[in-house]
PDB file of all heavy atoms in Angstrom:
ATOM      1  N   THR A   1     -25.174 273.575-108.153  1.00  0.00           N
ATOM      2  CA  THR A   1     -24.452 272.338-108.545  1.00  0.00           C
ATOM      3  C   THR A   1     -24.821 271.182-107.736  1.00  0.00           C
ATOM      4  O   THR A   1     -24.981 270.091-108.237  1.00  0.00           O
ATOM      5  CB  THR A   1     -22.877 272.685-108.510  1.00  0.00           C
ATOM      6  OG1 THR A   1     -22.569 273.775-109.357  1.00  0.00           O
ATOM      7  CG2 THR A   1     -22.034 271.443-108.941  1.00  0.00           C
ATOM      8  N   CYS A   2     -24.810 271.335-106.424  1.00  0.00           N
ATOM      9  CA  CYS A   2     -25.132 270.269-105.457  1.00  0.00           C
ATOM     10  C   CYS A   2     -26.522 269.743-105.783  1.00  0.00           C
ATOM     11  O   CYS A   2     -26.815 268.562-105.828  1.00  0.00           O
ATOM     12  CB  CYS A   2     -25.027 270.722-104.066  1.00  0.00           C
ATOM     13  SG  CYS A   2     -23.272 270.977-103.588  1.00  0.00           S
ATOM     14  N   ALA A   3     -27.495 270.634-105.981  1.00  0.00           N
ATOM     15  CA  ALA A   3     -28.887 270.201-106.297  1.00  0.00           C
ATOM     16  C   ALA A   3     -29.011 269.467-107.589  1.00  0.00           C
ATOM     17  O   ALA A   3     -29.700 268.471-107.678  1.00  0.00           O
ATOM     18  CB  ALA A   3     -29.859 271.512-106.283  1.00  0.00           C
ATOM     19  N   ALA A   4     -28.251 270.007-108.553  1.00  0.00           N
ATOM     20  CA  ALA A   4     -28.256 269.270-109.887  1.00  0.00           C
ATOM     21  C   ALA A   4     -27.701 267.853-109.755  1.00  0.00           C
ATOM     22  O   ALA A   4     -28.117 266.958-110.443  1.00  0.00           O
ATOM     23  CB  ALA A   4     -27.511 270.151-110.907  1.00  0.00           C
ATOM     24  N   ARG A   5     -26.649 267.688-108.946  1.00  0.00           N
ATOM     25  CA  ARG A   5     -26.066 266.359-108.780  1.00  0.00           C
ATOM     26  C   ARG A   5     -26.916 265.440-107.878  1.00  0.00           C
ATOM     27  O   ARG A   5     -26.615 264.259-107.735  1.00  0.00           O
ATOM     28  CB  ARG A   5     -24.697 266.464-108.052  1.00  0.00           C
ATOM     29  CG  ARG A   5     -23.610 266.907-108.897  1.00  0.00           C
ATOM     30  CD  ARG A   5     -22.299 266.706-108.256  1.00  0.00           C
ATOM     31  NE  ARG A   5     -22.183 267.208-106.894  1.00  0.00           N
ATOM     32  CZ  ARG A   5     -21.384 268.136-106.511  1.00  0.00           C
ATOM     33  NH1 ARG A   5     -20.469 268.621-107.341  1.00  0.00           N
ATOM     34  NH2 ARG A   5     -21.377 268.540-105.179  1.00  0.00           N
ATOM     35  N   GLY A   6     -27.922 266.006-107.198  1.00  0.00           N
ATOM     36  CA  GLY A   6     -28.776 265.259-106.324  1.00  0.00           C
ATOM     37  C   GLY A   6     -28.152 265.084-104.909  1.00  0.00           C
ATOM     38  O   GLY A   6     -28.628 264.190-104.199  1.00  0.00           O
ATOM     39  N   ASP A   7     -27.234 265.939-104.554  1.00  0.00           N
ATOM     40  CA  ASP A   7     -26.652 265.862-103.213  1.00  0.00           C
ATOM     41  C   ASP A   7     -27.723 266.150-102.213  1.00  0.00           C
ATOM     42  O   ASP A   7     -28.576 267.042-102.418  1.00  0.00           O
ATOM     43  CB  ASP A   7     -25.462 266.856-103.089  1.00  0.00           C
ATOM     44  CG  ASP A   7     -24.308 266.521-103.975  1.00  0.00           C
ATOM     45  OD1 ASP A   7     -24.252 265.458-104.560  1.00  0.00           O
ATOM     46  OD2 ASP A   7     -23.330 267.345-104.002  1.00  0.00           O
ATOM     47  N   ASP A   8     -27.529 265.575-101.054  1.00  0.00           N
ATOM     48  CA  ASP A   8     -28.507 265.903 -99.910  1.00  0.00           C
ATOM     49  C   ASP A   8     -28.053 267.208 -99.332  1.00  0.00           C
ATOM     50  O   ASP A   8     -26.974 267.833 -99.628  1.00  0.00           O
ATOM     51  CB  ASP A   8     -28.581 264.761 -98.969  1.00  0.00           C
ATOM     52  CG  ASP A   8     -27.215 264.526 -98.172  1.00  0.00           C
ATOM     53  OD1 ASP A   8     -26.401 265.397 -98.263  1.00  0.00           O
ATOM     54  OD2 ASP A   8     -27.226 263.486 -97.509  1.00  0.00           O
ATOM     55  N   GLN A   9     -28.844 267.698 -98.369  1.00  0.00           N
ATOM     56  CA  GLN A   9     -28.699 269.037 -97.776  1.00  0.00           C
ATOM     57  C   GLN A   9     -27.356 269.088 -96.950  1.00  0.00           C
ATOM     58  O   GLN A   9     -26.621 270.048 -96.882  1.00  0.00           O
ATOM     59  CB  GLN A   9     -29.830 269.450 -96.915  1.00  0.00           C
ATOM     60  CG  GLN A   9     -31.097 269.787 -97.634  1.00  0.00           C
ATOM     61  CD  GLN A   9     -32.159 270.204 -96.658  1.00  0.00           C
ATOM     62  OE1 GLN A   9     -31.884 270.362 -95.499  1.00  0.00           O
ATOM     63  NE2 GLN A   9     -33.276 270.397 -97.186  1.00  0.00           N
ATOM     64  N   ASP A  10     -27.037 267.957 -96.320  1.00  0.00           N
ATOM     65  CA  ASP A  10     -25.823 267.932 -95.497  1.00  0.00           C
ATOM     66  C   ASP A  10     -24.613 268.142 -96.397  1.00  0.00           C
ATOM     67  O   ASP A  10     -23.683 268.956 -96.090  1.00  0.00           O
ATOM     68  CB  ASP A  10     -25.709 266.501 -94.779  1.00  0.00           C
ATOM     69  CG  ASP A  10     -26.765 266.398 -93.647  1.00  0.00           C
ATOM     70  OD1 ASP A  10     -27.223 267.396 -93.129  1.00  0.00           O
ATOM     71  OD2 ASP A  10     -27.109 265.231 -93.407  1.00  0.00           O
ATOM     72  N   ALA A  11     -24.579 267.467 -97.526  1.00  0.00           N
ATOM     73  CA  ALA A  11     -23.423 267.563 -98.444  1.00  0.00           C
ATOM     74  C   ALA A  11     -23.343 268.992 -99.031  1.00  0.00           C
ATOM     75  O   ALA A  11     -22.286 269.550 -99.178  1.00  0.00           O
ATOM     76  CB  ALA A  11     -23.544 266.529 -99.613  1.00  0.00           C
ATOM     77  N   ALA A  12     -24.457 269.582 -99.369  1.00  0.00           N
ATOM     78  CA  ALA A  12     -24.486 270.929-100.004  1.00  0.00           C
ATOM     79  C   ALA A  12     -24.032 271.935 -98.891  1.00  0.00           C
ATOM     80  O   ALA A  12     -23.247 272.850 -99.161  1.00  0.00           O
ATOM     81  CB  ALA A  12     -25.935 271.286-100.503  1.00  0.00           C
ATOM     82  N   TRP A  13     -24.560 271.815 -97.689  1.00  0.00           N
ATOM     83  CA  TRP A  13     -24.217 272.668 -96.551  1.00  0.00           C
ATOM     84  C   TRP A  13     -22.651 272.676 -96.350  1.00  0.00           C
ATOM     85  O   TRP A  13     -21.990 273.664 -96.327  1.00  0.00           O
ATOM     86  CB  TRP A  13     -24.917 272.192 -95.328  1.00  0.00           C
ATOM     87  CG  TRP A  13     -24.597 272.827 -94.027  1.00  0.00           C
ATOM     88  CD1 TRP A  13     -23.604 272.380 -93.170  1.00  0.00           C
ATOM     89  CD2 TRP A  13     -25.187 273.996 -93.445  1.00  0.00           C
ATOM     90  NE1 TRP A  13     -23.629 273.258 -92.012  1.00  0.00           N
ATOM     91  CE2 TRP A  13     -24.559 274.176 -92.150  1.00  0.00           C
ATOM     92  CE3 TRP A  13     -26.263 274.769 -93.801  1.00  0.00           C
ATOM     93  CZ2 TRP A  13     -24.900 275.222 -91.230  1.00  0.00           C
ATOM     94  CZ3 TRP A  13     -26.600 275.835 -92.991  1.00  0.00           C
ATOM     95  CH2 TRP A  13     -25.905 276.071 -91.671  1.00  0.00           C
ATOM     96  N   ASP A  14     -22.092 271.410 -96.314  1.00  0.00           N
ATOM     97  CA  ASP A  14     -20.640 271.257 -96.119  1.00  0.00           C
ATOM     98  C   ASP A  14     -19.874 271.801 -97.288  1.00  0.00           C
ATOM     99  O   ASP A  14     -18.829 272.471 -97.100  1.00  0.00           O
ATOM    100  CB  ASP A  14     -20.232 269.741 -95.948  1.00  0.00           C
ATOM    101  CG  ASP A  14     -20.846 269.198 -94.566  1.00  0.00           C
ATOM    102  OD1 ASP A  14     -21.126 270.056 -93.670  1.00  0.00           O
ATOM    103  OD2 ASP A  14     -20.958 267.997 -94.466  1.00  0.00           O
ATOM    104  N   SER A  15     -20.425 271.616 -98.486  1.00  0.00           N
ATOM    105  CA  SER A  15     -19.689 272.127 -99.675  1.00  0.00           C
ATOM    106  C   SER A  15     -19.578 273.659 -99.659  1.00  0.00           C
ATOM    107  O   SER A  15     -18.505 274.241 -99.998  1.00  0.00           O
ATOM    108  CB  SER A  15     -20.434 271.721-100.925  1.00  0.00           C
ATOM    109  OG  SER A  15     -20.336 270.301-101.173  1.00  0.00           O
ATOM    110  N   VAL A  16     -20.708 274.331 -99.347  1.00  0.00           N
ATOM    111  CA  VAL A  16     -20.671 275.811 -99.269  1.00  0.00           C
ATOM    112  C   VAL A  16     -19.704 276.243 -98.225  1.00  0.00           C
ATOM    113  O   VAL A  16     -18.873 277.114 -98.467  1.00  0.00           O
ATOM    114  CB  VAL A  16     -22.115 276.395 -98.996  1.00  0.00           C
ATOM    115  CG1 VAL A  16     -22.033 277.848 -98.800  1.00  0.00           C
ATOM    116  CG2 VAL A  16     -22.948 276.133-100.268  1.00  0.00           C
ATOM    117  N   LEU A  17     -19.829 275.618 -97.020  1.00  0.00           N
ATOM    118  CA  LEU A  17     -18.995 276.167 -95.879  1.00  0.00           C
ATOM    119  C   LEU A  17     -17.523 275.859 -96.086  1.00  0.00           C
ATOM    120  O   LEU A  17     -16.686 276.541 -95.453  1.00  0.00           O
ATOM    121  CB  LEU A  17     -19.533 275.594 -94.576  1.00  0.00           C
ATOM    122  CG  LEU A  17     -20.915 276.065 -94.191  1.00  0.00           C
ATOM    123  CD1 LEU A  17     -21.328 275.442 -92.797  1.00  0.00           C
ATOM    124  CD2 LEU A  17     -21.043 277.559 -94.217  1.00  0.00           C
ATOM    125  N   ARG A  18     -17.161 274.955 -96.909  1.00  0.00           N
ATOM    126  CA  ARG A  18     -15.752 274.706 -97.217  1.00  0.00           C
ATOM    127  C   ARG A  18     -15.135 275.820 -98.038  1.00  0.00           C
ATOM    128  O   ARG A  18     -13.913 276.022 -98.117  1.00  0.00           O
ATOM    129  CB  ARG A  18     -15.538 273.311 -97.955  1.00  0.00           C
ATOM    130  CG  ARG A  18     -15.355 272.220 -97.024  1.00  0.00           C
ATOM    131  CD  ARG A  18     -14.891 270.964 -97.788  1.00  0.00           C
ATOM    132  NE  ARG A  18     -15.720 270.522 -98.812  1.00  0.00           N
ATOM    133  CZ  ARG A  18     -16.821 269.725 -98.692  1.00  0.00           C
ATOM    134  NH1 ARG A  18     -17.045 269.187 -97.538  1.00  0.00           N
ATOM    135  NH2 ARG A  18     -17.544 269.303 -99.719  1.00  0.00           N
ATOM    136  N   LEU A  19     -16.028 276.570 -98.790  1.00  0.00           N
ATOM    137  CA  LEU A  19     -15.583 277.540 -99.789  1.00  0.00           C
ATOM    138  C   LEU A  19     -15.575 278.934 -99.320  1.00  0.00           C
ATOM    139  O   LEU A  19     -14.956 279.817 -99.910  1.00  0.00           O
ATOM    140  CB  LEU A  19     -16.473 277.459-101.034  1.00  0.00           C
ATOM    141  CG  LEU A  19     -16.376 276.133-101.748  1.00  0.00           C
ATOM    142  CD1 LEU A  19     -17.425 276.101-102.910  1.00  0.00           C
ATOM    143  CD2 LEU A  19     -14.947 275.915-102.368  1.00  0.00           C
ATOM    144  N   VAL A  20     -16.276 279.338 -98.233  1.00  0.00           N
ATOM    145  CA  VAL A  20     -16.431 280.679 -97.785  1.00  0.00           C
ATOM    146  C   VAL A  20     -16.036 280.864 -96.332  1.00  0.00           C
ATOM    147  O   VAL A  20     -16.073 279.958 -95.549  1.00  0.00           O
ATOM    148  CB  VAL A  20     -17.897 281.198 -98.019  1.00  0.00           C
ATOM    149  CG1 VAL A  20     -18.273 281.181 -99.515  1.00  0.00           C
ATOM    150  CG2 VAL A  20     -18.860 280.367 -97.216  1.00  0.00           C
ATOM    151  N   LEU A  21     -15.683 282.091 -95.987  1.00  0.00           N
ATOM    152  CA  LEU A  21     -15.429 282.439 -94.584  1.00  0.00           C
ATOM    153  C   LEU A  21     -16.739 282.550 -93.867  1.00  0.00           C
ATOM    154  O   LEU A  21     -17.713 283.095 -94.465  1.00  0.00           O
ATOM    155  CB  LEU A  21     -14.654 283.755 -94.486  1.00  0.00           C
ATOM    156  CG  LEU A  21     -13.308 283.804 -95.046  1.00  0.00           C
ATOM    157  CD1 LEU A  21     -12.746 285.276 -95.058  1.00  0.00           C
ATOM    158  CD2 LEU A  21     -12.389 282.832 -94.363  1.00  0.00           C
ATOM    159  N   HIS A  22     -16.876 281.919 -92.700  1.00  0.00           N
ATOM    160  CA  HIS A  22     -18.141 281.925 -92.037  1.00  0.00           C
ATOM    161  C   HIS A  22     -17.915 281.835 -90.488  1.00  0.00           C
ATOM    162  O   HIS A  22     -16.822 281.378 -90.000  1.00  0.00           O
ATOM    163  CB  HIS A  22     -18.971 280.778 -92.419  1.00  0.00           C
ATOM    164  CG  HIS A  22     -18.340 279.485 -92.264  1.00  0.00           C
ATOM    165  ND1 HIS A  22     -18.531 278.812 -91.086  1.00  0.00           N
ATOM    166  CD2 HIS A  22     -17.684 278.691 -93.067  1.00  0.00           C
ATOM    167  CE1 HIS A  22     -17.965 277.561 -91.148  1.00  0.00           C
ATOM    168  NE2 HIS A  22     -17.425 277.500 -92.334  1.00  0.00           N
ATOM    169  N   ASP A  23     -18.899 282.279 -89.741  1.00  0.00           N
ATOM    170  CA  ASP A  23     -18.908 281.992 -88.303  1.00  0.00           C
ATOM    171  C   ASP A  23     -19.375 280.631 -88.050  1.00  0.00           C
ATOM    172  O   ASP A  23     -19.911 280.004 -88.903  1.00  0.00           O
ATOM    173  CB  ASP A  23     -19.890 282.986 -87.617  1.00  0.00           C
ATOM    174  CG  ASP A  23     -19.448 284.421 -87.648  1.00  0.00           C
ATOM    175  OD1 ASP A  23     -18.310 284.705 -87.976  1.00  0.00           O
ATOM    176  OD2 ASP A  23     -20.309 285.308 -87.378  1.00  0.00           O
ATOM    177  N   PRO A  24     -19.061 280.126 -86.873  1.00  0.00           N
ATOM    178  CA  PRO A  24     -19.503 278.722 -86.566  1.00  0.00           C
ATOM    179  C   PRO A  24     -21.061 278.704 -86.604  1.00  0.00           C
ATOM    180  O   PRO A  24     -21.750 279.624 -86.174  1.00  0.00           O
ATOM    181  CB  PRO A  24     -19.081 278.489 -85.161  1.00  0.00           C
ATOM    182  CG  PRO A  24     -17.896 279.425 -84.856  1.00  0.00           C
ATOM    183  CD  PRO A  24     -18.173 280.654 -85.798  1.00  0.00           C
ATOM    184  N   PRO A  25     -21.708 277.711 -87.294  1.00  0.00           N
ATOM    185  CA  PRO A  25     -23.086 277.599 -87.391  1.00  0.00           C
ATOM    186  C   PRO A  25     -23.762 277.566 -86.010  1.00  0.00           C
ATOM    187  O   PRO A  25     -23.246 277.052 -85.038  1.00  0.00           O
ATOM    188  CB  PRO A  25     -23.312 276.245 -88.113  1.00  0.00           C
ATOM    189  CG  PRO A  25     -22.039 276.022 -88.840  1.00  0.00           C
ATOM    190  CD  PRO A  25     -20.942 276.614 -87.943  1.00  0.00           C
ATOM    191  N   ALA A  26     -24.873 278.354 -85.935  1.00  0.00           N
ATOM    192  CA  ALA A  26     -25.676 278.424 -84.652  1.00  0.00           C
ATOM    193  C   ALA A  26     -27.062 277.888 -84.875  1.00  0.00           C
ATOM    194  O   ALA A  26     -27.563 277.909 -85.949  1.00  0.00           O
ATOM    195  CB  ALA A  26     -25.765 279.975 -84.262  1.00  0.00           C
ATOM    196  N   THR A  27     -27.517 277.281 -83.809  1.00  0.00           N
ATOM    197  CA  THR A  27     -28.902 276.835 -83.822  1.00  0.00           C
ATOM    198  C   THR A  27     -29.852 277.920 -83.315  1.00  0.00           C
ATOM    199  O   THR A  27     -29.622 278.507 -82.332  1.00  0.00           O
ATOM    200  CB  THR A  27     -29.084 275.574 -82.920  1.00  0.00           C
ATOM    201  OG1 THR A  27     -28.205 274.521 -83.399  1.00  0.00           O
ATOM    202  CG2 THR A  27     -30.477 275.011 -82.930  1.00  0.00           C
ATOM    203  N   VAL A  28     -30.926 278.120 -84.108  1.00  0.00           N
ATOM    204  CA  VAL A  28     -31.978 279.124 -83.626  1.00  0.00           C
ATOM    205  C   VAL A  28     -33.269 278.429 -83.453  1.00  0.00           C
ATOM    206  O   VAL A  28     -33.521 277.516 -84.069  1.00  0.00           O
ATOM    207  CB  VAL A  28     -32.016 280.285 -84.583  1.00  0.00           C
ATOM    208  CG1 VAL A  28     -30.799 281.127 -84.633  1.00  0.00           C
ATOM    209  CG2 VAL A  28     -32.448 279.840 -86.040  1.00  0.00           C
ATOM    210  N   ALA A  29     -34.084 278.996 -82.521  1.00  0.00           N
ATOM    211  CA  ALA A  29     -35.404 278.392 -82.207  1.00  0.00           C
ATOM    212  C   ALA A  29     -36.413 278.605 -83.412  1.00  0.00           C
ATOM    213  O   ALA A  29     -37.183 277.764 -83.624  1.00  0.00           O
ATOM    214  CB  ALA A  29     -35.947 278.981 -80.911  1.00  0.00           C
ATOM    215  N   ARG A  30     -36.322 279.768 -84.030  1.00  0.00           N
ATOM    216  CA  ARG A  30     -37.184 280.043 -85.118  1.00  0.00           C
ATOM    217  C   ARG A  30     -36.429 280.864 -86.161  1.00  0.00           C
ATOM    218  O   ARG A  30     -35.732 281.842 -85.819  1.00  0.00           O
ATOM    219  CB  ARG A  30     -38.410 280.887 -84.681  1.00  0.00           C
ATOM    220  CG  ARG A  30     -39.302 280.050 -83.790  1.00  0.00           C
ATOM    221  CD  ARG A  30     -40.454 280.820 -83.289  1.00  0.00           C
ATOM    222  NE  ARG A  30     -41.161 281.353 -84.370  1.00  0.00           N
ATOM    223  CZ  ARG A  30     -42.454 281.707 -84.418  1.00  0.00           C
ATOM    224  NH1 ARG A  30     -43.090 281.544 -83.276  1.00  0.00           N
ATOM    225  NH2 ARG A  30     -43.031 282.234 -85.442  1.00  0.00           N
ATOM    226  N   LEU A  31     -36.430 280.428 -87.417  1.00  0.00           N
ATOM    227  CA  LEU A  31     -35.683 281.050 -88.482  1.00  0.00           C
ATOM    228  C   LEU A  31     -36.179 282.432 -88.780  1.00  0.00           C
ATOM    229  O   LEU A  31     -35.496 283.230 -89.348  1.00  0.00           O
ATOM    230  CB  LEU A  31     -35.675 280.215 -89.753  1.00  0.00           C
ATOM    231  CG  LEU A  31     -34.859 278.911 -89.667  1.00  0.00           C
ATOM    232  CD1 LEU A  31     -35.074 278.120 -90.940  1.00  0.00           C
ATOM    233  CD2 LEU A  31     -33.366 279.258 -89.488  1.00  0.00           C
ATOM    234  N   ASN A  32     -37.460 282.806 -88.357  1.00  0.00           N
ATOM    235  CA  ASN A  32     -37.957 284.123 -88.695  1.00  0.00           C
ATOM    236  C   ASN A  32     -37.185 285.157 -87.862  1.00  0.00           C
ATOM    237  O   ASN A  32     -37.297 286.355 -88.199  1.00  0.00           O
ATOM    238  CB  ASN A  32     -39.478 284.189 -88.500  1.00  0.00           C
ATOM    239  CG  ASN A  32     -39.877 283.911 -87.143  1.00  0.00           C
ATOM    240  OD1 ASN A  32     -39.165 283.550 -86.204  1.00  0.00           O
ATOM    241  ND2 ASN A  32     -41.229 283.812 -86.931  1.00  0.00           N
TER     242      ASN A  32
END
């Protein structure tokens, strides 16, 4: 839905995290 509306990644990230239970986001050096 966010991609179809043209929302940027920040807005999509926030939209998802408002709807689901989650741990605090963490920064990782490499996603692999």
